[in-house]
Amino acid sequence: MGDIAALEAQIAFVEDTVQALDEALAAQQQHILRLERQIERLQQQLKDQGARLDQVAADASEPPPPHY
């Protein structure tokens, strides 16, 4: 009977461990999704900023005024 009790204890431990790992995995997946959304926003901001800089550079390409 002692062997059966030991096996039941091991199974209970394994089930608890699997549950904890499942919860940790779900939390990590949510964190990854948030980070991916943040990266997408930052990429868009960089793209927009680059377009604004290109526009400023294009506007600044006017010939300089005469020095006289």
N, C-alpha and C. Protein backbone atom coordinates (compact mmCIF):
# COMPACT_ATOMS: atom_id res chain seq x y z
N MET A 1 0.81 -1.20 0.00
CA MET A 1 0.00 0.00 0.00
C MET A 1 0.85 1.27 0.00
N GLY A 2 2.03 1.21 0.57
CA GLY A 2 2.90 2.37 0.64
C GLY A 2 3.34 2.83 -0.74
N ASP A 3 3.52 1.88 -1.65
CA ASP A 3 3.93 2.23 -3.01
C ASP A 3 2.83 3.02 -3.73
N ILE A 4 1.59 2.62 -3.52
CA ILE A 4 0.47 3.30 -4.16
C ILE A 4 0.36 4.74 -3.63
N ALA A 5 0.53 4.91 -2.34
CA ALA A 5 0.46 6.25 -1.75
C ALA A 5 1.59 7.13 -2.29
N ALA A 6 2.77 6.55 -2.44
CA ALA A 6 3.90 7.32 -2.96
C ALA A 6 3.64 7.73 -4.40
N LEU A 7 3.09 6.81 -5.19
CA LEU A 7 2.76 7.14 -6.58
C LEU A 7 1.68 8.22 -6.66
N GLU A 8 0.68 8.13 -5.79
CA GLU A 8 -0.36 9.15 -5.78
C GLU A 8 0.20 10.51 -5.41
N ALA A 9 1.15 10.52 -4.48
CA ALA A 9 1.79 11.78 -4.07
C ALA A 9 2.60 12.35 -5.23
N GLN A 10 3.30 11.49 -5.95
CA GLN A 10 4.09 11.95 -7.10
C GLN A 10 3.17 12.49 -8.20
N ILE A 11 2.06 11.81 -8.43
CA ILE A 11 1.12 12.27 -9.45
C ILE A 11 0.54 13.63 -9.05
N ALA A 12 0.21 13.79 -7.79
CA ALA A 12 -0.32 15.07 -7.32
C ALA A 12 0.72 16.18 -7.51
N PHE A 13 1.97 15.87 -7.21
CA PHE A 13 3.04 16.85 -7.38
C PHE A 13 3.20 17.21 -8.86
N VAL A 14 3.19 16.22 -9.73
CA VAL A 14 3.33 16.46 -11.17
C VAL A 14 2.15 17.29 -11.68
N GLU A 15 0.96 16.99 -11.23
CA GLU A 15 -0.22 17.77 -11.65
C GLU A 15 -0.10 19.22 -11.21
N ASP A 16 0.35 19.44 -9.99
CA ASP A 16 0.55 20.81 -9.49
C ASP A 16 1.61 21.54 -10.32
N THR A 17 2.68 20.82 -10.64
CA THR A 17 3.76 21.41 -11.42
C THR A 17 3.28 21.77 -12.82
N VAL A 18 2.53 20.87 -13.44
CA VAL A 18 1.99 21.14 -14.77
C VAL A 18 1.07 22.34 -14.73
N GLN A 19 0.24 22.46 -13.73
CA GLN A 19 -0.67 23.59 -13.60
C GLN A 19 0.11 24.90 -13.44
N ALA A 20 1.15 24.87 -12.61
CA ALA A 20 1.97 26.07 -12.41
C ALA A 20 2.68 26.47 -13.70
N LEU A 21 3.20 25.49 -14.43
CA LEU A 21 3.86 25.77 -15.70
C LEU A 21 2.88 26.32 -16.73
N ASP A 22 1.67 25.78 -16.74
CA ASP A 22 0.64 26.25 -17.66
C ASP A 22 0.30 27.72 -17.37
N GLU A 23 0.17 28.07 -16.11
CA GLU A 23 -0.13 29.45 -15.74
C GLU A 23 1.03 30.38 -16.11
N ALA A 24 2.26 29.91 -15.88
CA ALA A 24 3.43 30.73 -16.23
C ALA A 24 3.51 30.92 -17.74
N LEU A 25 3.22 29.89 -18.48
CA LEU A 25 3.25 29.98 -19.94
C LEU A 25 2.20 30.95 -20.45
N ALA A 26 1.01 30.89 -19.89
CA ALA A 26 -0.06 31.81 -20.30
C ALA A 26 0.33 33.25 -19.99
N ALA A 27 0.93 33.49 -18.83
CA ALA A 27 1.36 34.84 -18.46
C ALA A 27 2.45 35.33 -19.40
N GLN A 28 3.39 34.46 -19.74
CA GLN A 28 4.46 34.84 -20.66
C GLN A 28 3.90 35.16 -22.05
N GLN A 29 2.93 34.38 -22.49
CA GLN A 29 2.33 34.63 -23.81
C GLN A 29 1.64 35.99 -23.83
N GLN A 30 0.93 36.34 -22.77
CA GLN A 30 0.29 37.65 -22.70
C GLN A 30 1.34 38.76 -22.73
N HIS A 31 2.44 38.55 -22.01
CA HIS A 31 3.52 39.54 -21.98
C HIS A 31 4.14 39.69 -23.37
N ILE A 32 4.35 38.59 -24.06
CA ILE A 32 4.90 38.62 -25.42
C ILE A 32 3.97 39.39 -26.35
N LEU A 33 2.67 39.15 -26.24
CA LEU A 33 1.71 39.86 -27.08
C LEU A 33 1.76 41.37 -26.84
N ARG A 34 1.85 41.76 -25.55
CA ARG A 34 1.95 43.19 -25.23
C ARG A 34 3.23 43.79 -25.82
N LEU A 35 4.33 43.06 -25.72
CA LEU A 35 5.60 43.55 -26.25
C LEU A 35 5.55 43.66 -27.78
N GLU A 36 4.91 42.70 -28.42
CA GLU A 36 4.78 42.76 -29.88
C GLU A 36 3.97 43.98 -30.31
N ARG A 37 2.89 44.27 -29.59
CA ARG A 37 2.09 45.46 -29.91
C ARG A 37 2.91 46.73 -29.69
N GLN A 38 3.69 46.74 -28.62
CA GLN A 38 4.53 47.91 -28.34
C GLN A 38 5.57 48.09 -29.44
N ILE A 39 6.18 47.02 -29.90
CA ILE A 39 7.15 47.10 -30.98
C ILE A 39 6.50 47.64 -32.24
N GLU A 40 5.29 47.17 -32.55
CA GLU A 40 4.59 47.67 -33.73
C GLU A 40 4.34 49.17 -33.63
N ARG A 41 3.93 49.63 -32.43
CA ARG A 41 3.70 51.07 -32.25
C ARG A 41 5.00 51.86 -32.42
N LEU A 42 6.09 51.34 -31.86
CA LEU A 42 7.37 52.03 -31.97
C LEU A 42 7.87 52.06 -33.41
N GLN A 43 7.67 50.96 -34.13
CA GLN A 43 8.06 50.94 -35.55
C GLN A 43 7.27 51.98 -36.34
N GLN A 44 5.99 52.09 -36.05
CA GLN A 44 5.16 53.08 -36.75
C GLN A 44 5.61 54.50 -36.40
N GLN A 45 5.94 54.73 -35.13
CA GLN A 45 6.42 56.04 -34.73
C GLN A 45 7.72 56.39 -35.44
N LEU A 46 8.63 55.42 -35.55
CA LEU A 46 9.89 55.67 -36.25
C LEU A 46 9.64 55.95 -37.73
N LYS A 47 8.73 55.20 -38.32
CA LYS A 47 8.41 55.42 -39.74
C LYS A 47 7.83 56.83 -39.93
N ASP A 48 6.90 57.22 -39.06
CA ASP A 48 6.31 58.55 -39.15
C ASP A 48 7.35 59.64 -38.94
N GLN A 49 8.23 59.43 -37.97
CA GLN A 49 9.27 60.42 -37.70
C GLN A 49 10.23 60.52 -38.89
N GLY A 50 10.56 59.39 -39.50
CA GLY A 50 11.42 59.41 -40.68
C GLY A 50 10.77 60.18 -41.82
N ALA A 51 9.46 60.00 -41.99
CA ALA A 51 8.76 60.73 -43.05
C ALA A 51 8.78 62.23 -42.76
N ARG A 52 8.61 62.60 -41.51
CA ARG A 52 8.66 64.03 -41.16
C ARG A 52 10.06 64.60 -41.41
N LEU A 53 11.09 63.83 -41.07
CA LEU A 53 12.46 64.29 -41.30
C LEU A 53 12.74 64.43 -42.80
N ASP A 54 12.22 63.49 -43.58
CA ASP A 54 12.38 63.58 -45.04
C ASP A 54 11.72 64.84 -45.56
N GLN A 55 10.55 65.17 -45.03
CA GLN A 55 9.83 66.37 -45.45
C GLN A 55 10.61 67.62 -45.08
N VAL A 56 11.16 67.65 -43.89
CA VAL A 56 11.96 68.81 -43.45
C VAL A 56 13.19 68.94 -44.34
N ALA A 57 13.83 67.84 -44.66
CA ALA A 57 15.01 67.88 -45.52
C ALA A 57 14.64 68.36 -46.91
N ALA A 58 13.49 67.95 -47.42
CA ALA A 58 13.04 68.39 -48.74
C ALA A 58 12.75 69.89 -48.73
N ASP A 59 12.14 70.36 -47.64
CA ASP A 59 11.84 71.79 -47.54
C ASP A 59 13.12 72.62 -47.40
N ALA A 60 14.13 72.06 -46.80
CA ALA A 60 15.37 72.78 -46.57
C ALA A 60 16.26 72.79 -47.82
N SER A 61 15.85 72.15 -48.89
CA SER A 61 16.69 72.08 -50.08
C SER A 61 16.53 73.30 -50.99
N GLU A 62 15.89 74.34 -50.49
CA GLU A 62 15.77 75.58 -51.26
C GLU A 62 17.16 76.18 -51.43
N PRO A 63 17.38 76.85 -52.54
CA PRO A 63 18.71 77.46 -52.70
C PRO A 63 18.92 78.58 -51.69
N PRO A 64 20.13 78.77 -51.25
CA PRO A 64 20.38 79.81 -50.26
C PRO A 64 20.18 81.20 -50.88
N PRO A 65 19.83 82.18 -50.08
CA PRO A 65 19.64 83.54 -50.62
C PRO A 65 20.99 84.11 -51.04
N PRO A 66 20.97 85.07 -51.95
CA PRO A 66 22.25 85.69 -52.35
C PRO A 66 22.87 86.44 -51.16
N HIS A 67 24.15 86.48 -51.17
CA HIS A 67 24.87 87.13 -50.05
C HIS A 67 25.03 88.62 -50.24
N TYR A 68 24.57 89.19 -51.32
CA TYR A 68 24.75 90.62 -51.59
C TYR A 68 23.54 91.39 -51.23
